[in-house]
Every structure is written in C-alpha cells, then in structure tokens.
C-alpha cells in the first residue's frame, strides 16, 4: 500500500533506538519514550514542505498521527511539527 500525504504533511518511518543503561541493562519497550526521530518516506505537494524523501527529521514528542503500514510504524506529520533535519 502506498500513502501520498496531502498539502504540507509528510510520512515518516519511526527510527527505533535500542537503549540500555551504562551498566548494560536494556530498557524494555514499555518503559521507553516514543521515538522522536524518523526517516521521511513520502512528502505532500504543499509549498511549505522543506524536507525530501530519505532525510532524517526530529519532531515534537506528541506530534502527528500514528499509522501502521505492513509491520512498520509510521507517523503522518504536519510540517509545523518538524523541529529540525538531522544531518550525519
């Protein structure tokens, strides 16, 4: 299934980060915060869209609408919720 965001919205694939403490203990998924970084999968055709497919973005903690495509979690975000582009 393909999703094409409308207007100034983007579709982001969430990037899960494996977290562990300094002592080497892994933190279970139920105790973790929701990830705040993702990779742009699709972009809308609005004039306010300033990111490209493949870029990594940092977004607000409780932003967007969660969407499950296949077995992967995605987030549908407005450009207002995008805080920064992450550059390697």
Protein backbone atom coordinates (compact mmCIF):
# COMPACT_ATOMS: atom_id res chain seq x y z
CA UNK A 1 0.00 0.00 0.00
CA UNK A 2 1.29 3.45 -0.89
CA UNK A 3 0.36 6.59 1.02
CA UNK A 4 0.65 10.06 -0.53
CA UNK A 5 0.39 12.83 2.09
CA UNK A 6 -1.69 15.87 1.18
CA UNK A 7 -0.69 19.51 1.48
CA UNK A 8 2.14 20.28 3.90
CA UNK A 9 2.20 16.82 5.50
CA UNK A 10 4.94 14.20 5.44
CA UNK A 11 5.03 10.46 6.18
CA UNK A 12 7.87 9.44 8.50
CA UNK A 13 9.13 5.94 9.31
CA UNK A 14 9.97 5.86 13.01
CA UNK A 15 13.56 5.07 13.94
CA UNK A 16 13.69 2.81 16.95
CA UNK A 17 16.79 3.23 19.06
CA UNK A 18 17.93 0.39 21.27
CA UNK A 19 18.50 1.90 24.66
CA UNK A 20 20.49 0.49 27.52
CA UNK A 21 21.84 1.87 30.73
CA UNK A 22 25.51 2.45 31.50
CA UNK A 23 25.51 -0.86 33.36
CA UNK A 24 24.44 -2.70 30.20
CA UNK A 25 20.78 -3.29 31.08
CA UNK A 26 18.41 -2.96 28.12
CA UNK A 27 15.31 -0.84 28.69
CA UNK A 28 12.09 -2.65 27.65
CA UNK A 29 9.78 -1.09 25.04
CA UNK A 30 7.07 -0.45 27.63
CA UNK A 31 9.37 1.80 29.65
CA UNK A 32 10.73 3.79 26.71
CA UNK A 33 9.51 7.12 25.45
CA UNK A 34 8.09 7.36 21.97
CA UNK A 35 10.88 7.93 19.41
CA UNK A 36 11.27 11.49 18.18
CA UNK A 37 13.33 10.86 15.06
CA UNK A 38 12.32 9.34 11.78
CA UNK A 39 13.14 8.99 8.11
CA UNK A 40 10.95 10.79 5.58
CA UNK A 41 9.20 8.22 3.37
CA UNK A 42 6.77 10.46 1.44
CA UNK A 43 6.03 14.16 1.18
CA UNK A 44 2.96 16.15 0.25
CA UNK A 45 2.84 18.69 -2.56
CA UNK A 46 2.34 21.76 -0.35
CA UNK A 47 4.51 24.84 -0.68
CA UNK A 48 5.59 24.64 2.97
CA UNK A 49 7.28 21.22 2.63
CA UNK A 50 11.01 21.78 3.11
CA UNK A 51 12.23 18.19 3.50
CA UNK A 52 12.99 15.45 0.98
CA UNK A 53 12.42 11.72 0.96
CA UNK A 54 15.29 9.96 2.73
CA UNK A 55 16.14 12.78 5.16
CA UNK A 56 16.07 12.18 8.91
CA UNK A 57 13.96 14.60 10.93
CA UNK A 58 13.43 15.44 14.58
CA UNK A 59 9.81 16.12 15.53
CA UNK A 60 7.74 17.17 18.54
CA UNK A 61 7.14 14.46 21.15
CA UNK A 62 3.37 14.02 20.84
CA UNK A 63 3.02 15.18 17.24
CA UNK A 64 1.31 13.56 14.30
CA UNK A 65 -0.96 10.61 13.70
CA UNK A 66 0.35 7.06 14.08
CA UNK A 67 -0.11 4.85 11.02
CA UNK A 68 0.81 1.17 10.69
CA UNK A 69 1.81 0.18 7.15
CA UNK A 70 2.54 -3.51 6.90
CA UNK A 71 4.53 -4.36 10.01
CA UNK A 72 6.21 -0.96 10.39
CA UNK A 73 5.08 2.04 12.42
CA UNK A 74 4.88 5.38 10.63
CA UNK A 75 3.81 8.86 11.61
CA UNK A 76 1.88 11.35 9.50
CA UNK A 77 3.17 14.81 10.44
CA UNK A 78 2.43 18.40 9.54
CA UNK A 79 5.49 20.49 8.69
CA UNK A 80 4.66 22.58 11.78
CA UNK A 81 5.56 19.55 13.94
CA UNK A 82 9.01 19.07 12.36
CA UNK A 83 11.65 20.72 14.54
CA UNK A 84 14.86 20.00 12.62
CA UNK A 85 16.58 17.98 9.92
CA UNK A 86 19.24 15.62 11.29
CA UNK A 87 22.44 15.72 9.26
CA UNK A 88 25.08 12.99 9.52
